[in-house]
Amino acid sequence: MVRQIFRHILVVMGTFLCMCPFLHAQELDAKVVVTHLNVDQSSSSVFEDLQKALNEFINNRQWTNMQFRRNERIACTFNITVNEYSDADHHFACTLRVQATRPVFNSSYTTVLFSTQDDSFNFNYQEFDNLDFRADVIDNELTALIAYYVYLIIGLDEDAMSPEGGTDYLEVARTIVNNSQSLSSHGWKAFNNLKNRYTIINDMLDNSMSPFRQLQYKYFREGLDTMAENAERGRATIAESIGLLTQAHENKPLSELPELFTEYKSDELIQIFKGKGTSSERESVVEQLTNINASKSPEWAEIID
């Protein structure tokens, strides 16, 4: 039974179910890895402590009012590469690679839900610091950074379960951005670049980008999740979802979201369409994907070859 149906049961049964041992409040099954090979540091204890603290902060905290079974928790990875570290002021300059995945219904296949790289993942952290977070009062850059990606992941996962179902959680991510404008690192403000935290969340919630949000449900829930039952129908639905991606791209040509989607879904899209379906369907998909991300034209051509 999909998580969406399970949550309706929870609403009906209320407190009784909330007390059952098979329910867990935590939404994420996250793995945080901190790599510090680029830093000349005599002791690795601060990096080990940071990794442990972040794993506990993300996985042990209740981020929403939803209830998840353990096997429904959203799998995600936070790979943090420390590029610079100052022992004097405990400042970290890092690169974050964050990725979230979801299982495909009635199969053993796991698909990428979201993936991006943040080159301005910078913060201060001292060994044994207590990590806490409030969206309305941002006083810790590290927890604000983590919380932003947590709510972005939860929002996209909910979008994939029901049409634009993640709005409330994406709004929290936007609140974090708005309340982080005084923080020192890049990525919180408009125009730092077109793929920073500010731009991603504001594009997500821009009415003109609604087709991108609608794409999440059509691609994942109506497309991939039905392929085990009917591969032809699932593939046709995914082809329709590419039309939504094109619409979002045309509505806001400067948005990086459509191109970002093609970056982390390219291998999967090639696997879905290569040598399958009608030639006109494949040609249409290739044309649309090329218009969105021409840099991957050689890869898209594999669909037709």
Protein backbone atom coordinates (compact mmCIF):
# COMPACT_ATOMS: atom_id res chain seq x y z
CA MET A 1 0.00 0.00 0.00
CA VAL A 2 1.49 3.34 -0.94
CA ARG A 3 2.33 5.87 1.71
CA GLN A 4 -0.42 8.26 0.58
CA ILE A 5 -3.14 5.71 1.46
CA PHE A 6 -1.41 4.86 4.71
CA ARG A 7 -1.53 8.49 5.81
CA HIS A 8 -5.29 8.64 5.23
CA ILE A 9 -5.63 5.67 7.61
CA LEU A 10 -3.59 7.57 10.20
CA VAL A 11 -5.88 10.57 10.01
CA VAL A 12 -8.91 8.35 10.68
CA MET A 13 -7.39 6.35 13.50
CA GLY A 14 -5.53 9.26 15.09
CA THR A 15 -3.73 8.89 18.36
CA PHE A 16 -4.14 5.15 18.63
CA LEU A 17 -2.03 4.50 15.57
CA CYS A 18 0.50 7.13 16.57
CA MET A 19 1.26 4.99 19.64
CA CYS A 20 1.83 1.79 17.64
CA PRO A 21 5.43 0.53 17.65
CA PHE A 22 5.65 0.13 13.86
CA LEU A 23 5.25 3.87 13.28
CA HIS A 24 8.14 6.32 13.30
CA ALA A 25 7.99 10.09 13.17
CA GLN A 26 11.26 10.52 11.34
CA GLU A 27 10.85 11.20 7.64
CA LEU A 28 14.37 10.64 6.37
CA ASP A 29 16.78 7.73 6.16
CA ALA A 30 19.85 9.87 5.57
CA LYS A 31 23.51 9.03 5.34
CA VAL A 32 25.96 11.88 5.91
CA VAL A 33 29.59 11.43 4.86
CA VAL A 34 32.19 14.09 5.61
CA THR A 35 35.38 13.82 3.53
CA HIS A 36 38.37 15.92 4.57
CA LEU A 37 41.24 14.60 2.44
CA ASN A 38 41.77 18.08 0.97
CA VAL A 39 42.53 19.55 4.39
CA ASP A 40 45.89 19.33 6.11
CA GLN A 41 44.76 18.71 9.67
CA SER A 42 46.64 16.82 12.36
CA SER A 43 43.45 15.60 14.05
CA SER A 44 40.35 14.26 12.32
CA SER A 45 38.16 14.33 15.43
CA VAL A 46 36.24 17.50 14.46
CA PHE A 47 35.30 15.98 11.10
CA GLU A 48 34.25 12.70 12.66
CA ASP A 49 32.19 14.56 15.25
CA LEU A 50 30.55 16.68 12.53
CA GLN A 51 29.58 13.58 10.56
CA LYS A 52 28.10 11.90 13.63
CA ALA A 53 26.27 15.05 14.74
CA LEU A 54 24.70 15.61 11.30
CA ASN A 55 23.59 12.00 10.96
CA GLU A 56 21.84 12.26 14.31
CA PHE A 57 20.43 15.73 13.60
CA ILE A 58 18.80 14.68 10.32
CA ASN A 59 17.65 11.17 11.21
CA ASN A 60 16.46 11.66 14.78
CA ARG A 61 14.49 14.86 14.28
CA GLN A 62 10.79 15.06 13.40
CA TRP A 63 10.61 17.55 10.53
CA THR A 64 6.87 17.37 9.82
CA ASN A 65 3.63 16.14 11.39
CA MET A 66 3.53 13.13 9.06
CA GLN A 67 4.02 9.58 10.22
CA PHE A 68 6.21 7.17 8.26
CA ARG A 69 6.77 3.44 8.45
CA ARG A 70 10.48 2.72 8.71
CA ASN A 71 10.58 1.34 5.15
CA GLU A 72 8.81 4.48 3.89
CA ARG A 73 11.47 6.90 5.09
CA ILE A 74 13.05 8.87 2.26
CA ALA A 75 16.53 7.59 1.45
CA CYS A 76 19.02 10.38 0.88
CA THR A 77 22.75 11.07 1.03
CA PHE A 78 24.64 14.19 2.06
CA ASN A 79 28.22 13.94 0.83
CA ILE A 80 30.21 16.85 2.26
CA THR A 81 33.71 17.51 0.95
CA VAL A 82 35.71 19.87 3.15
CA ASN A 83 37.79 22.12 0.90
CA GLU A 84 39.07 24.47 3.61
CA TYR A 85 39.01 24.43 7.40
CA SER A 86 40.21 27.04 9.88
CA ASP A 87 40.98 25.75 13.34
CA ALA A 88 41.17 29.34 14.61
CA ASP A 89 37.53 30.24 13.93
CA HIS A 90 36.14 26.75 13.18
CA HIS A 91 35.07 27.77 9.68
CA PHE A 92 34.34 25.15 7.04
CA ALA A 93 34.28 25.81 3.29
CA CYS A 94 32.70 22.77 1.69
CA THR A 95 31.03 21.28 -1.34
CA LEU A 96 27.81 19.36 -0.75
CA ARG A 97 26.46 16.69 -3.06
CA VAL A 98 22.93 15.83 -1.96
CA GLN A 99 20.76 13.15 -3.51
CA ALA A 100 17.38 11.65 -2.63
CA THR A 101 15.88 8.47 -4.04
CA ARG A 102 12.57 6.66 -3.94
CA PRO A 103 11.57 3.05 -4.62
CA VAL A 104 9.48 2.29 -7.70
CA PHE A 105 6.18 0.59 -6.88
CA ASN A 106 6.04 -3.19 -7.37
CA SER A 107 9.72 -3.45 -8.29
CA SER A 108 13.20 -3.62 -6.79
CA TYR A 109 14.23 -0.53 -8.74
CA THR A 110 15.20 2.70 -6.98
CA THR A 111 15.01 6.00 -8.85
CA VAL A 112 16.66 9.36 -8.21
CA LEU A 113 14.14 11.86 -6.89
CA PHE A 114 16.49 14.84 -6.71
CA SER A 115 20.21 15.52 -6.95
CA THR A 116 22.31 18.66 -6.91
CA GLN A 117 25.69 20.03 -5.93
CA ASP A 118 26.11 23.05 -3.67
CA ASP A 119 29.55 24.64 -4.04
CA SER A 120 28.91 27.23 -1.32
CA PHE A 121 28.20 24.92 1.60
CA ASN A 122 30.04 27.03 4.16
CA PHE A 123 29.49 27.25 7.92
CA ASN A 124 31.09 27.39 11.36
CA TYR A 125 31.18 24.32 13.57
CA GLN A 126 33.08 23.51 16.72
CA GLU A 127 33.43 19.99 18.03
CA PHE A 128 30.50 18.96 20.26
CA ASP A 129 28.36 21.93 19.20
CA ASN A 130 24.68 21.41 19.89
CA LEU A 131 22.69 21.41 16.64
CA ASP A 132 19.20 22.87 16.74
CA PHE A 133 16.91 24.54 14.25
CA ARG A 134 13.95 26.90 14.04
CA ALA A 135 12.73 28.12 10.64
CA ASP A 136 11.55 31.44 12.07
CA VAL A 137 14.82 32.26 13.85
CA ILE A 138 17.91 31.41 11.81
CA ASP A 139 21.00 31.71 13.99
CA ASN A 140 23.04 28.74 12.81
CA GLU A 141 24.16 28.50 9.20
CA LEU A 142 24.89 24.76 9.29
CA THR A 143 21.45 23.74 10.52
CA ALA A 144 19.80 26.21 8.14
CA LEU A 145 21.67 24.65 5.21
CA ILE A 146 20.70 21.13 6.22
CA ALA A 147 17.08 22.04 6.98
CA TYR A 148 16.71 23.74 3.60
CA TYR A 149 17.65 20.54 1.77
CA VAL A 150 15.58 18.39 4.12
CA TYR A 151 12.40 20.34 3.36
CA LEU A 152 13.22 20.49 -0.34
CA ILE A 153 13.56 16.69 -0.40
CA ILE A 154 10.37 16.12 1.60
CA GLY A 155 8.47 18.56 -0.62
CA LEU A 156 9.57 16.84 -3.83
CA ASP A 157 8.79 13.42 -2.38
CA GLU A 158 5.28 14.60 -1.55
CA ASP A 159 4.91 16.09 -5.05
CA ALA A 160 5.72 12.63 -6.38
CA MET A 161 2.95 11.12 -4.22
CA SER A 162 0.16 13.61 -5.03
CA PRO A 163 -0.09 16.54 -7.48
CA GLU A 164 1.83 19.45 -5.93
CA GLY A 165 1.39 17.75 -2.57
CA GLY A 166 4.67 19.09 -1.21
CA THR A 167 3.75 22.78 -1.24
CA ASP A 168 3.72 23.20 2.56
CA TYR A 169 7.24 21.77 2.88
CA LEU A 170 8.62 23.73 -0.06
CA GLU A 171 7.20 26.84 1.57
CA VAL A 172 9.21 26.03 4.71
CA ALA A 173 12.35 25.78 2.54
CA ARG A 174 11.54 29.21 1.11
CA THR A 175 11.01 30.60 4.63
CA ILE A 176 14.47 29.32 5.55
CA VAL A 177 15.95 31.12 2.54
CA ASN A 178 14.09 34.35 3.35
CA ASN A 179 15.23 34.24 6.97
CA SER A 180 18.84 33.47 6.00
CA GLN A 181 19.47 36.65 4.01
CA SER A 182 21.81 38.01 6.68
CA LEU A 183 24.01 34.91 6.68
CA SER A 184 27.47 35.29 5.21
CA SER A 185 27.79 32.46 2.69
CA HIS A 186 26.75 32.59 -0.94
CA GLY A 187 23.62 30.81 -2.11
CA TRP A 188 20.98 32.45 0.07
CA LYS A 189 20.51 35.57 -2.05
CA ALA A 190 19.10 36.22 -5.49
CA PHE A 191 21.50 36.39 -8.42
CA ASN A 192 24.48 34.68 -6.72
CA ASN A 193 23.95 32.25 -9.60
CA LEU A 194 21.03 30.62 -11.40
CA LYS A 195 21.27 27.31 -9.53
CA ASN A 196 21.70 28.42 -5.94
CA ARG A 197 19.39 27.73 -3.01
CA TYR A 198 17.43 30.95 -3.43
CA THR A 199 16.77 30.41 -7.11
CA ILE A 200 15.89 26.73 -6.86
CA ILE A 201 13.20 27.16 -4.22
CA ASN A 202 11.74 30.35 -5.70
CA ASP A 203 11.54 28.72 -9.13
CA MET A 204 9.90 25.67 -7.54
CA LEU A 205 7.12 27.85 -6.13
CA ASP A 206 6.78 30.18 -9.11
CA ASN A 207 3.32 29.78 -10.67
CA SER A 208 4.86 29.75 -14.14
CA MET A 209 6.86 26.66 -13.08
CA SER A 210 3.78 24.73 -11.97
CA PRO A 211 4.31 22.27 -14.88
CA PHE A 212 7.62 21.27 -13.26
CA ARG A 213 5.78 20.45 -10.04
CA GLN A 214 3.09 18.54 -11.97
CA LEU A 215 5.85 16.62 -13.73
CA GLN A 216 6.91 15.05 -10.44
CA TYR A 217 3.60 13.25 -9.97
CA LYS A 218 3.13 12.26 -13.61
CA TYR A 219 6.69 11.01 -14.04
CA PHE A 220 7.04 9.09 -10.78
CA ARG A 221 3.58 8.06 -9.59
CA GLU A 222 1.70 7.73 -12.88
CA GLY A 223 4.71 6.75 -14.99
CA LEU A 224 7.45 4.78 -13.24
CA ASP A 225 5.15 3.30 -10.58
CA THR A 226 2.91 1.74 -13.26
CA MET A 227 5.65 0.23 -15.43
CA ALA A 228 5.74 -3.09 -13.60
CA GLU A 229 2.04 -3.51 -14.37
CA ASN A 230 2.05 -2.05 -17.89
CA ALA A 231 5.40 -0.95 -19.34
CA GLU A 232 3.89 0.56 -22.48
CA ARG A 233 1.42 2.71 -20.59
CA GLY A 234 4.06 3.79 -18.07
CA ARG A 235 6.48 4.79 -20.80
CA ALA A 236 3.77 6.74 -22.67
CA THR A 237 2.95 8.63 -19.47
CA ILE A 238 6.62 9.47 -18.91
CA ALA A 239 6.74 10.78 -22.49
CA GLU A 240 3.77 13.02 -21.61
CA SER A 241 5.63 14.24 -18.54
CA ILE A 242 8.50 15.40 -20.75
CA GLY A 243 5.91 17.69 -22.33
CA LEU A 244 5.39 19.28 -18.89
CA LEU A 245 9.15 19.73 -18.60
CA THR A 246 9.13 21.50 -21.97
CA GLN A 247 6.26 23.72 -20.87
CA ALA A 248 8.14 24.72 -17.71
CA HIS A 249 11.24 25.47 -19.78
CA GLU A 250 9.25 27.62 -22.19
CA ASN A 251 7.45 29.44 -19.37
CA LYS A 252 10.72 30.42 -17.68
CA PRO A 253 13.69 29.88 -20.00
CA LEU A 254 16.24 31.12 -17.45
CA SER A 255 15.20 28.59 -14.81
CA GLU A 256 17.75 25.85 -14.21
CA LEU A 257 15.20 23.35 -12.90
CA PRO A 258 14.31 21.63 -16.22
CA GLU A 259 17.97 21.26 -17.17
CA LEU A 260 18.84 20.06 -13.66
CA PHE A 261 16.13 17.39 -13.94
CA THR A 262 17.61 16.14 -17.23
CA GLU A 263 21.06 15.99 -15.62
CA TYR A 264 20.11 13.57 -12.87
CA LYS A 265 17.54 11.64 -14.92
CA SER A 266 19.47 11.28 -18.19
CA ASP A 267 20.63 7.68 -17.72
CA GLU A 268 17.15 6.61 -16.66
CA LEU A 269 15.44 8.39 -19.56
CA ILE A 270 17.77 6.71 -22.05
CA GLN A 271 17.06 3.33 -20.46
CA ILE A 272 13.29 3.90 -20.60
CA PHE A 273 13.10 4.97 -24.26
CA LYS A 274 16.08 3.43 -26.07
CA GLY A 275 14.77 0.96 -28.61
CA LYS A 276 11.29 1.02 -27.10
CA GLY A 277 7.96 2.55 -28.08
CA THR A 278 7.24 4.10 -31.45
CA SER A 279 9.83 5.95 -33.51
CA SER A 280 7.71 9.12 -33.42
CA GLU A 281 7.54 8.94 -29.61
CA ARG A 282 11.31 8.56 -29.34
CA GLU A 283 11.95 11.37 -31.81
CA SER A 284 9.62 13.69 -29.90
CA VAL A 285 11.30 12.89 -26.59
CA VAL A 286 14.78 13.44 -28.05
CA GLU A 287 13.76 16.75 -29.61
CA GLN A 288 12.33 18.06 -26.36
CA LEU A 289 15.24 16.90 -24.22
CA THR A 290 17.73 18.44 -26.66
CA ASN A 291 15.91 21.77 -26.52
CA ILE A 292 16.13 21.72 -22.74
CA ASN A 293 19.70 20.43 -22.43
CA ALA A 294 21.65 20.55 -25.68
CA SER A 295 24.91 19.65 -23.90
CA LYS A 296 23.62 16.09 -23.63
CA SER A 297 22.71 15.75 -27.32
CA PRO A 298 25.07 12.74 -27.83
CA GLU A 299 23.34 10.95 -24.96
CA TRP A 300 19.85 11.78 -26.20
CA ALA A 301 20.80 10.47 -29.66
CA GLU A 302 21.28 7.03 -28.09
CA ILE A 303 17.50 6.84 -27.68
CA ILE A 304 17.03 6.79 -31.45
CA ASP A 305 20.17 4.86 -32.45
